[in-house]
Amino acid sequence: MSVGIILGAAVAVFGLVVAIGKKVSLLHSRRNAMVRPEDVRPYTLLMGIGVALVGGGLIAKELLDMHVGGSVGWIVFTAAAAVGFILMAIAQKKYNGSFGG
């Protein structure tokens, strides 16, 4: 089993724990300093899904590299990571007031 699959799975599970469990405390305190209590659910949902997409993209990249080869894996990873980072940026801007904290 590839290190990338293990790392991707860990990142994806972390994202799902944040999203499903509303675990805002798992995120760096600077990332959620201005999030109001009533916004914790939508914030953790967007942040968690974004992180899970990055992890899922890494898993998909590794599996595609093993079975298909070429640059298909990198394309899928880049697309998934881009969408994930966009979701996290939206959550940061909307619920925390800024991108940096």
N, C-alpha and C. Protein backbone atom coordinates (compact mmCIF):
# COMPACT_ATOMS: atom_id res chain seq x y z
N MET A 1 0.84 -1.17 0.00
CA MET A 1 0.00 0.00 0.00
C MET A 1 0.89 1.24 0.00
N SER A 2 0.53 2.19 -0.78
CA SER A 2 1.33 3.39 -0.96
C SER A 2 1.20 4.35 0.23
N VAL A 3 2.26 5.05 0.51
CA VAL A 3 2.24 6.08 1.56
C VAL A 3 1.21 7.15 1.23
N GLY A 4 1.07 7.47 -0.06
CA GLY A 4 0.10 8.47 -0.48
C GLY A 4 -1.33 8.07 -0.16
N ILE A 5 -1.64 6.78 -0.29
CA ILE A 5 -2.99 6.31 0.04
C ILE A 5 -3.23 6.43 1.54
N ILE A 6 -2.23 6.07 2.33
CA ILE A 6 -2.37 6.16 3.79
C ILE A 6 -2.51 7.62 4.21
N LEU A 7 -1.67 8.48 3.67
CA LEU A 7 -1.74 9.90 4.00
C LEU A 7 -3.07 10.50 3.54
N GLY A 8 -3.50 10.16 2.32
CA GLY A 8 -4.77 10.65 1.81
C GLY A 8 -5.94 10.19 2.66
N ALA A 9 -5.90 8.95 3.10
CA ALA A 9 -6.96 8.43 3.96
C ALA A 9 -6.99 9.16 5.30
N ALA A 10 -5.83 9.42 5.86
CA ALA A 10 -5.77 10.14 7.13
C ALA A 10 -6.33 11.56 6.98
N VAL A 11 -5.96 12.23 5.91
CA VAL A 11 -6.46 13.59 5.67
C VAL A 11 -7.96 13.56 5.42
N ALA A 12 -8.43 12.61 4.63
CA ALA A 12 -9.87 12.51 4.34
C ALA A 12 -10.67 12.21 5.61
N VAL A 13 -10.18 11.30 6.44
CA VAL A 13 -10.88 10.98 7.69
C VAL A 13 -10.89 12.20 8.61
N PHE A 14 -9.78 12.91 8.69
CA PHE A 14 -9.74 14.13 9.49
C PHE A 14 -10.80 15.11 9.01
N GLY A 15 -10.90 15.30 7.70
CA GLY A 15 -11.90 16.21 7.14
C GLY A 15 -13.32 15.77 7.47
N LEU A 16 -13.56 14.48 7.38
CA LEU A 16 -14.90 13.97 7.70
C LEU A 16 -15.23 14.13 9.18
N VAL A 17 -14.24 13.94 10.04
CA VAL A 17 -14.46 14.14 11.48
C VAL A 17 -14.82 15.61 11.75
N VAL A 18 -14.12 16.52 11.11
CA VAL A 18 -14.42 17.95 11.27
C VAL A 18 -15.82 18.25 10.75
N ALA A 19 -16.16 17.72 9.57
CA ALA A 19 -17.45 18.02 8.94
C ALA A 19 -18.62 17.38 9.67
N ILE A 20 -18.53 16.10 9.91
CA ILE A 20 -19.66 15.37 10.49
C ILE A 20 -19.77 15.63 12.00
N GLY A 21 -18.63 15.69 12.67
CA GLY A 21 -18.64 15.85 14.11
C GLY A 21 -18.67 17.30 14.58
N LYS A 22 -18.66 18.25 13.64
CA LYS A 22 -18.64 19.68 13.99
C LYS A 22 -17.48 20.00 14.94
N LYS A 23 -16.33 19.42 14.67
CA LYS A 23 -15.18 19.54 15.56
C LYS A 23 -14.32 20.75 15.18
N VAL A 24 -14.84 21.94 15.44
CA VAL A 24 -14.11 23.15 15.13
C VAL A 24 -12.82 23.24 15.94
N SER A 25 -12.78 22.60 17.09
CA SER A 25 -11.59 22.62 17.95
C SER A 25 -10.40 21.90 17.32
N LEU A 26 -10.63 21.06 16.33
CA LEU A 26 -9.53 20.37 15.66
C LEU A 26 -8.78 21.29 14.69
N LEU A 27 -9.42 22.39 14.31
CA LEU A 27 -8.79 23.35 13.41
C LEU A 27 -7.99 24.35 14.24
N HIS A 28 -6.96 24.90 13.66
CA HIS A 28 -6.12 25.87 14.37
C HIS A 28 -7.00 27.02 14.86
N SER A 29 -6.78 27.46 16.08
CA SER A 29 -7.64 28.49 16.67
C SER A 29 -7.67 29.78 15.86
N ARG A 30 -6.59 30.08 15.16
CA ARG A 30 -6.57 31.28 14.31
C ARG A 30 -7.54 31.13 13.15
N ARG A 31 -7.80 29.89 12.74
CA ARG A 31 -8.69 29.64 11.62
C ARG A 31 -10.17 29.80 11.99
N ASN A 32 -10.48 29.76 13.27
CA ASN A 32 -11.88 29.84 13.65
C ASN A 32 -12.15 30.88 14.73
N ALA A 33 -11.25 31.83 14.88
CA ALA A 33 -11.34 32.81 15.95
C ALA A 33 -12.61 33.64 15.90
N MET A 34 -13.09 33.97 14.73
CA MET A 34 -14.24 34.87 14.58
C MET A 34 -15.53 34.13 14.22
N VAL A 35 -15.52 32.82 14.23
CA VAL A 35 -16.71 32.05 13.87
C VAL A 35 -17.72 32.11 15.02
N ARG A 36 -18.91 32.61 14.71
CA ARG A 36 -19.96 32.68 15.73
C ARG A 36 -20.49 31.29 16.04
N PRO A 37 -20.97 31.06 17.25
CA PRO A 37 -21.47 29.73 17.62
C PRO A 37 -22.55 29.19 16.66
N GLU A 38 -23.40 30.05 16.17
CA GLU A 38 -24.46 29.60 15.25
C GLU A 38 -23.92 29.27 13.85
N ASP A 39 -22.67 29.68 13.57
CA ASP A 39 -22.07 29.40 12.27
C ASP A 39 -21.11 28.21 12.30
N VAL A 40 -20.96 27.58 13.46
CA VAL A 40 -20.01 26.46 13.57
C VAL A 40 -20.39 25.34 12.61
N ARG A 41 -21.68 24.99 12.53
CA ARG A 41 -22.09 23.88 11.67
C ARG A 41 -21.76 24.13 10.19
N PRO A 42 -22.19 25.25 9.59
CA PRO A 42 -21.83 25.44 8.17
C PRO A 42 -20.33 25.62 7.95
N TYR A 43 -19.65 26.24 8.92
CA TYR A 43 -18.20 26.43 8.80
C TYR A 43 -17.47 25.09 8.80
N THR A 44 -17.78 24.25 9.79
CA THR A 44 -17.10 22.95 9.86
C THR A 44 -17.47 22.06 8.69
N LEU A 45 -18.68 22.20 8.18
CA LEU A 45 -19.09 21.41 7.03
C LEU A 45 -18.25 21.78 5.80
N LEU A 46 -18.12 23.07 5.52
CA LEU A 46 -17.32 23.50 4.36
C LEU A 46 -15.84 23.17 4.55
N MET A 47 -15.31 23.45 5.73
CA MET A 47 -13.89 23.17 5.98
C MET A 47 -13.62 21.67 5.91
N GLY A 48 -14.47 20.88 6.54
CA GLY A 48 -14.27 19.44 6.55
C GLY A 48 -14.37 18.82 5.17
N ILE A 49 -15.36 19.24 4.40
CA ILE A 49 -15.50 18.72 3.04
C ILE A 49 -14.30 19.14 2.19
N GLY A 50 -13.84 20.37 2.38
CA GLY A 50 -12.66 20.82 1.64
C GLY A 50 -11.44 19.98 1.95
N VAL A 51 -11.20 19.72 3.22
CA VAL A 51 -10.05 18.89 3.62
C VAL A 51 -10.23 17.46 3.10
N ALA A 52 -11.45 16.92 3.21
CA ALA A 52 -11.71 15.56 2.74
C ALA A 52 -11.48 15.45 1.23
N LEU A 53 -11.82 16.50 0.48
CA LEU A 53 -11.58 16.47 -0.97
C LEU A 53 -10.08 16.40 -1.28
N VAL A 54 -9.29 17.13 -0.53
CA VAL A 54 -7.83 17.06 -0.73
C VAL A 54 -7.34 15.64 -0.47
N GLY A 55 -7.77 15.05 0.64
CA GLY A 55 -7.37 13.68 0.96
C GLY A 55 -7.88 12.68 -0.06
N GLY A 56 -9.13 12.82 -0.46
CA GLY A 56 -9.70 11.93 -1.48
C GLY A 56 -8.99 12.06 -2.81
N GLY A 57 -8.61 13.29 -3.15
CA GLY A 57 -7.85 13.51 -4.38
C GLY A 57 -6.51 12.82 -4.37
N LEU A 58 -5.87 12.81 -3.20
CA LEU A 58 -4.58 12.12 -3.07
C LEU A 58 -4.75 10.61 -3.21
N ILE A 59 -5.80 10.07 -2.60
CA ILE A 59 -6.09 8.64 -2.74
C ILE A 59 -6.33 8.30 -4.21
N ALA A 60 -7.17 9.10 -4.87
CA ALA A 60 -7.48 8.86 -6.29
C ALA A 60 -6.22 8.95 -7.14
N LYS A 61 -5.36 9.92 -6.86
CA LYS A 61 -4.11 10.07 -7.62
C LYS A 61 -3.25 8.83 -7.51
N GLU A 62 -3.10 8.33 -6.27
CA GLU A 62 -2.26 7.15 -6.08
C GLU A 62 -2.85 5.93 -6.78
N LEU A 63 -4.16 5.74 -6.66
CA LEU A 63 -4.79 4.59 -7.32
C LEU A 63 -4.70 4.69 -8.84
N LEU A 64 -4.92 5.89 -9.37
CA LEU A 64 -4.80 6.07 -10.82
C LEU A 64 -3.37 5.88 -11.29
N ASP A 65 -2.40 6.34 -10.52
CA ASP A 65 -1.00 6.12 -10.87
C ASP A 65 -0.66 4.64 -10.93
N MET A 66 -1.24 3.85 -10.01
CA MET A 66 -0.96 2.41 -9.98
C MET A 66 -1.60 1.67 -11.15
N HIS A 67 -2.80 2.11 -11.55
CA HIS A 67 -3.56 1.35 -12.52
C HIS A 67 -3.62 1.96 -13.92
N VAL A 68 -3.47 3.26 -14.03
CA VAL A 68 -3.60 3.91 -15.34
C VAL A 68 -2.26 4.48 -15.79
N GLY A 69 -1.59 5.16 -14.88
CA GLY A 69 -0.32 5.78 -15.21
C GLY A 69 -0.52 7.12 -15.90
N GLY A 70 0.57 7.67 -16.38
CA GLY A 70 0.50 8.97 -17.03
C GLY A 70 0.23 10.07 -16.03
N SER A 71 -0.36 11.14 -16.53
CA SER A 71 -0.61 12.30 -15.67
C SER A 71 -2.06 12.39 -15.21
N VAL A 72 -2.85 11.35 -15.47
CA VAL A 72 -4.26 11.36 -15.09
C VAL A 72 -4.42 11.55 -13.59
N GLY A 73 -3.61 10.87 -12.81
CA GLY A 73 -3.69 10.98 -11.36
C GLY A 73 -3.44 12.39 -10.87
N TRP A 74 -2.43 13.04 -11.44
CA TRP A 74 -2.13 14.41 -11.04
C TRP A 74 -3.25 15.37 -11.42
N ILE A 75 -3.86 15.13 -12.57
CA ILE A 75 -4.98 15.98 -13.00
C ILE A 75 -6.14 15.85 -12.03
N VAL A 76 -6.48 14.63 -11.66
CA VAL A 76 -7.58 14.40 -10.71
C VAL A 76 -7.25 15.01 -9.35
N PHE A 77 -6.02 14.79 -8.87
CA PHE A 77 -5.63 15.36 -7.59
C PHE A 77 -5.69 16.88 -7.62
N THR A 78 -5.18 17.49 -8.67
CA THR A 78 -5.18 18.95 -8.77
C THR A 78 -6.60 19.49 -8.77
N ALA A 79 -7.50 18.84 -9.50
CA ALA A 79 -8.90 19.28 -9.55
C ALA A 79 -9.56 19.15 -8.17
N ALA A 80 -9.38 18.01 -7.52
CA ALA A 80 -9.98 17.79 -6.20
C ALA A 80 -9.41 18.76 -5.17
N ALA A 81 -8.10 18.95 -5.19
CA ALA A 81 -7.46 19.86 -4.24
C ALA A 81 -7.91 21.30 -4.49
N ALA A 82 -8.03 21.68 -5.75
CA ALA A 82 -8.48 23.04 -6.07
C ALA A 82 -9.88 23.29 -5.53
N VAL A 83 -10.79 22.36 -5.75
CA VAL A 83 -12.15 22.50 -5.23
C VAL A 83 -12.14 22.53 -3.71
N GLY A 84 -11.33 21.66 -3.10
CA GLY A 84 -11.22 21.63 -1.65
C GLY A 84 -10.71 22.94 -1.08
N PHE A 85 -9.66 23.49 -1.70
CA PHE A 85 -9.11 24.76 -1.21
C PHE A 85 -10.08 25.91 -1.43
N ILE A 86 -10.83 25.87 -2.51
CA ILE A 86 -11.85 26.90 -2.76
C ILE A 86 -12.93 26.84 -1.68
N LEU A 87 -13.39 25.63 -1.33
CA LEU A 87 -14.38 25.50 -0.26
C LEU A 87 -13.84 26.02 1.07
N MET A 88 -12.59 25.71 1.37
CA MET A 88 -12.00 26.20 2.62
C MET A 88 -11.86 27.72 2.60
N ALA A 89 -11.49 28.27 1.45
CA ALA A 89 -11.37 29.74 1.34
C ALA A 89 -12.73 30.41 1.51
N ILE A 90 -13.76 29.83 0.93
CA ILE A 90 -15.12 30.37 1.08
C ILE A 90 -15.52 30.35 2.55
N ALA A 91 -15.28 29.24 3.23
CA ALA A 91 -15.62 29.13 4.65
C ALA A 91 -14.86 30.17 5.47
N GLN A 92 -13.58 30.31 5.19
CA GLN A 92 -12.78 31.28 5.94
C GLN A 92 -13.30 32.70 5.75
N LYS A 93 -13.54 33.07 4.52
CA LYS A 93 -13.97 34.43 4.23
C LYS A 93 -15.37 34.70 4.78
N LYS A 94 -16.28 33.75 4.60
CA LYS A 94 -17.67 33.96 4.99
C LYS A 94 -17.87 33.91 6.51
N TYR A 95 -17.27 32.94 7.17
CA TYR A 95 -17.55 32.73 8.59
C TYR A 95 -16.47 33.24 9.54
N ASN A 96 -15.25 33.45 9.05
CA ASN A 96 -14.18 33.95 9.90
C ASN A 96 -13.83 35.39 9.58
N GLY A 97 -14.31 35.89 8.45
CA GLY A 97 -14.08 37.28 8.10
C GLY A 97 -12.83 37.55 7.31
N SER A 98 -11.92 36.59 7.20
CA SER A 98 -10.70 36.79 6.43
C SER A 98 -10.12 35.43 6.05
N PHE A 99 -9.15 35.47 5.17
CA PHE A 99 -8.52 34.22 4.75
C PHE A 99 -7.46 33.76 5.74
N GLY A 100 -6.82 34.69 6.42
CA GLY A 100 -5.71 34.35 7.28
C GLY A 100 -6.03 34.14 8.74
N GLY A 101 -7.21 34.52 9.14
CA GLY A 101 -7.55 34.33 10.54
C GLY A 101 -7.76 35.61 11.28
